[in-house]
Amino acid sequence: MAWVILVLAGIFEVVWAYSMKLSIGFTKLGPSLITLLFMLLSFGLLAYAMRTLPLGTAYSIWTGIGAIGAFLVGIFILGEAASPMRILAALLIISGLVLMKLSSS
């Protein structure tokens, strides 16, 4: 169950990162409130998952989901560049996440 909660926390991290972008430096109220709400939810779920998962594993997976999710949102929603170097970097992050998961008991 901790893994499901951790993945959800990572997804919420993507939501707050995207909302922060939409808030334009916290100058728009709606996206700013969404950012703060999903930050709290994401951190709360991460803390809950850390009750049973090792710190390094939980934090690495959480930040990795956030990084890859933000990367994908940037490309598919915000129209950011998908250069070969950026894609390679994302694949390396995913490789690290898989190895981190496989190495945890």
C-alpha atoms as a PDB file:
ATOM      1  CA  MET A   1       0.000   0.000   0.000  1.00  0.00           C
ATOM      2  CA  ALA A   2       2.902   2.374   0.697  1.00  0.00           C
ATOM      3  CA  TRP A   3       3.971   2.164  -2.946  1.00  0.00           C
ATOM      4  CA  VAL A   4       0.513   3.170  -4.185  1.00  0.00           C
ATOM      5  CA  ILE A   5       0.498   6.101  -1.772  1.00  0.00           C
ATOM      6  CA  LEU A   6       3.993   7.091  -2.901  1.00  0.00           C
ATOM      7  CA  VAL A   7       2.989   7.060  -6.572  1.00  0.00           C
ATOM      8  CA  LEU A   8      -0.059   9.181  -5.750  1.00  0.00           C
ATOM      9  CA  ALA A   9       2.181  11.615  -3.856  1.00  0.00           C
ATOM     10  CA  GLY A  10       4.400  11.830  -6.946  1.00  0.00           C
ATOM     11  CA  ILE A  11       1.419  12.514  -9.202  1.00  0.00           C
ATOM     12  CA  PHE A  12       0.293  15.255  -6.822  1.00  0.00           C
ATOM     13  CA  GLU A  13       3.796  16.724  -7.089  1.00  0.00           C
ATOM     14  CA  VAL A  14       3.297  17.029 -10.847  1.00  0.00           C
ATOM     15  CA  VAL A  15      -0.063  18.734 -10.276  1.00  0.00           C
ATOM     16  CA  TRP A  16       1.392  21.333  -7.947  1.00  0.00           C
ATOM     17  CA  ALA A  17       4.377  21.983 -10.215  1.00  0.00           C
ATOM     18  CA  TYR A  18       2.071  22.576 -13.176  1.00  0.00           C
ATOM     19  CA  SER A  19      -0.256  24.727 -11.085  1.00  0.00           C
ATOM     20  CA  MET A  20       2.714  26.747  -9.900  1.00  0.00           C
ATOM     21  CA  LYS A  21       3.617  27.429 -13.531  1.00  0.00           C
ATOM     22  CA  LEU A  22       0.024  28.515 -14.184  1.00  0.00           C
ATOM     23  CA  SER A  23       0.065  30.784 -11.119  1.00  0.00           C
ATOM     24  CA  ILE A  24       2.645  33.014 -12.854  1.00  0.00           C
ATOM     25  CA  GLY A  25       4.745  33.536  -9.741  1.00  0.00           C
ATOM     26  CA  PHE A  26       1.755  33.239  -7.397  1.00  0.00           C
ATOM     27  CA  THR A  27       0.034  36.220  -9.018  1.00  0.00           C
ATOM     28  CA  LYS A  28      -3.113  34.237  -9.951  1.00  0.00           C
ATOM     29  CA  LEU A  29      -5.224  33.154  -6.983  1.00  0.00           C
ATOM     30  CA  GLY A  30      -6.817  29.962  -8.353  1.00  0.00           C
ATOM     31  CA  PRO A  31      -3.646  28.221  -9.514  1.00  0.00           C
ATOM     32  CA  SER A  32      -1.831  29.467  -6.395  1.00  0.00           C
ATOM     33  CA  LEU A  33      -4.407  27.822  -4.120  1.00  0.00           C
ATOM     34  CA  ILE A  34      -4.276  24.602  -6.156  1.00  0.00           C
ATOM     35  CA  THR A  35      -0.483  24.662  -5.848  1.00  0.00           C
ATOM     36  CA  LEU A  36      -0.603  24.991  -2.068  1.00  0.00           C
ATOM     37  CA  LEU A  37      -3.319  22.339  -1.665  1.00  0.00           C
ATOM     38  CA  PHE A  38      -1.501  19.767  -3.779  1.00  0.00           C
ATOM     39  CA  MET A  39       1.814  20.572  -2.105  1.00  0.00           C
ATOM     40  CA  LEU A  40       0.257  19.725   1.248  1.00  0.00           C
ATOM     41  CA  LEU A  41      -1.341  16.557  -0.118  1.00  0.00           C
ATOM     42  CA  SER A  42       1.865  15.468  -1.837  1.00  0.00           C
ATOM     43  CA  PHE A  43       4.059  16.064   1.216  1.00  0.00           C
ATOM     44  CA  GLY A  44       1.510  14.430   3.502  1.00  0.00           C
ATOM     45  CA  LEU A  45       1.306  11.297   1.370  1.00  0.00           C
ATOM     46  CA  LEU A  46       5.084  11.185   1.049  1.00  0.00           C
ATOM     47  CA  ALA A  47       5.409  11.372   4.824  1.00  0.00           C
ATOM     48  CA  TYR A  48       2.853   8.583   5.213  1.00  0.00           C
ATOM     49  CA  ALA A  49       4.668   6.361   2.698  1.00  0.00           C
ATOM     50  CA  MET A  50       7.945   6.979   4.523  1.00  0.00           C
ATOM     51  CA  ARG A  51       6.531   5.290   7.591  1.00  0.00           C
ATOM     52  CA  THR A  52       7.295   1.950   5.943  1.00  0.00           C
ATOM     53  CA  LEU A  53       9.586   2.738   3.004  1.00  0.00           C
ATOM     54  CA  PRO A  54      13.257   3.670   3.355  1.00  0.00           C
ATOM     55  CA  LEU A  55      13.955   7.414   3.166  1.00  0.00           C
ATOM     56  CA  GLY A  56      16.291   7.231   0.172  1.00  0.00           C
ATOM     57  CA  THR A  57      13.958   5.023  -1.815  1.00  0.00           C
ATOM     58  CA  ALA A  58      10.785   6.975  -1.046  1.00  0.00           C
ATOM     59  CA  TYR A  59      12.306  10.389  -1.680  1.00  0.00           C
ATOM     60  CA  SER A  60      14.064   9.295  -4.872  1.00  0.00           C
ATOM     61  CA  ILE A  61      10.923   7.747  -6.318  1.00  0.00           C
ATOM     62  CA  TRP A  62       8.810  10.775  -5.324  1.00  0.00           C
ATOM     63  CA  THR A  63      11.169  13.294  -6.907  1.00  0.00           C
ATOM     64  CA  GLY A  64      11.641  11.067  -9.951  1.00  0.00           C
ATOM     65  CA  ILE A  65       7.912  10.830 -10.580  1.00  0.00           C
ATOM     66  CA  GLY A  66       7.713  14.585 -10.202  1.00  0.00           C
ATOM     67  CA  ALA A  67      10.623  15.193 -12.565  1.00  0.00           C
ATOM     68  CA  ILE A  68       9.374  12.854 -15.283  1.00  0.00           C
ATOM     69  CA  GLY A  69       5.781  14.005 -14.865  1.00  0.00           C
ATOM     70  CA  ALA A  70       6.771  17.669 -15.112  1.00  0.00           C
ATOM     71  CA  PHE A  71       8.920  16.848 -18.135  1.00  0.00           C
ATOM     72  CA  LEU A  72       5.938  15.186 -19.868  1.00  0.00           C
ATOM     73  CA  VAL A  73       3.535  17.997 -18.935  1.00  0.00           C
ATOM     74  CA  GLY A  74       6.048  20.467 -20.305  1.00  0.00           C
ATOM     75  CA  ILE A  75       6.260  18.657 -23.624  1.00  0.00           C
ATOM     76  CA  PHE A  76       2.645  17.596 -24.153  1.00  0.00           C
ATOM     77  CA  ILE A  77       0.747  20.470 -22.533  1.00  0.00           C
ATOM     78  CA  LEU A  78       3.107  23.453 -22.571  1.00  0.00           C
ATOM     79  CA  GLY A  79       4.782  22.697 -25.905  1.00  0.00           C
ATOM     80  CA  GLU A  80       8.334  22.587 -24.565  1.00  0.00           C
ATOM     81  CA  ALA A  81      11.132  21.091 -26.658  1.00  0.00           C
ATOM     82  CA  ALA A  82      11.624  17.323 -26.751  1.00  0.00           C
ATOM     83  CA  SER A  83      15.237  17.249 -27.872  1.00  0.00           C
ATOM     84  CA  PRO A  84      17.138  13.953 -27.998  1.00  0.00           C
ATOM     85  CA  MET A  85      19.313  15.063 -25.061  1.00  0.00           C
ATOM     86  CA  ARG A  86      16.287  15.855 -22.867  1.00  0.00           C
ATOM     87  CA  ILE A  87      14.680  12.526 -23.758  1.00  0.00           C
ATOM     88  CA  LEU A  88      17.902  10.689 -22.931  1.00  0.00           C
ATOM     89  CA  ALA A  89      18.058  12.493 -19.589  1.00  0.00           C
ATOM     90  CA  ALA A  90      14.455  11.451 -18.844  1.00  0.00           C
ATOM     91  CA  LEU A  91      15.244   7.836 -19.757  1.00  0.00           C
ATOM     92  CA  LEU A  92      18.202   7.889 -17.372  1.00  0.00           C
ATOM     93  CA  ILE A  93      15.954   9.169 -14.586  1.00  0.00           C
ATOM     94  CA  ILE A  94      13.460   6.384 -15.304  1.00  0.00           C
ATOM     95  CA  SER A  95      16.299   3.841 -15.285  1.00  0.00           C
ATOM     96  CA  GLY A  96      17.364   5.115 -11.879  1.00  0.00           C
ATOM     97  CA  LEU A  97      13.811   4.827 -10.556  1.00  0.00           C
ATOM     98  CA  VAL A  98      13.522   1.244 -11.765  1.00  0.00           C
ATOM     99  CA  LEU A  99      16.860   0.352 -10.167  1.00  0.00           C
ATOM    100  CA  MET A 100      15.842   2.069  -6.915  1.00  0.00           C
ATOM    101  CA  LYS A 101      12.587   0.086  -6.836  1.00  0.00           C
ATOM    102  CA  LEU A 102      14.340  -3.201  -7.625  1.00  0.00           C
ATOM    103  CA  SER A 103      16.947  -2.597  -4.941  1.00  0.00           C
ATOM    104  CA  SER A 104      14.423  -1.990  -2.155  1.00  0.00           C
ATOM    105  CA  SER A 105      12.955  -4.847  -0.200  1.00  0.00           C
END
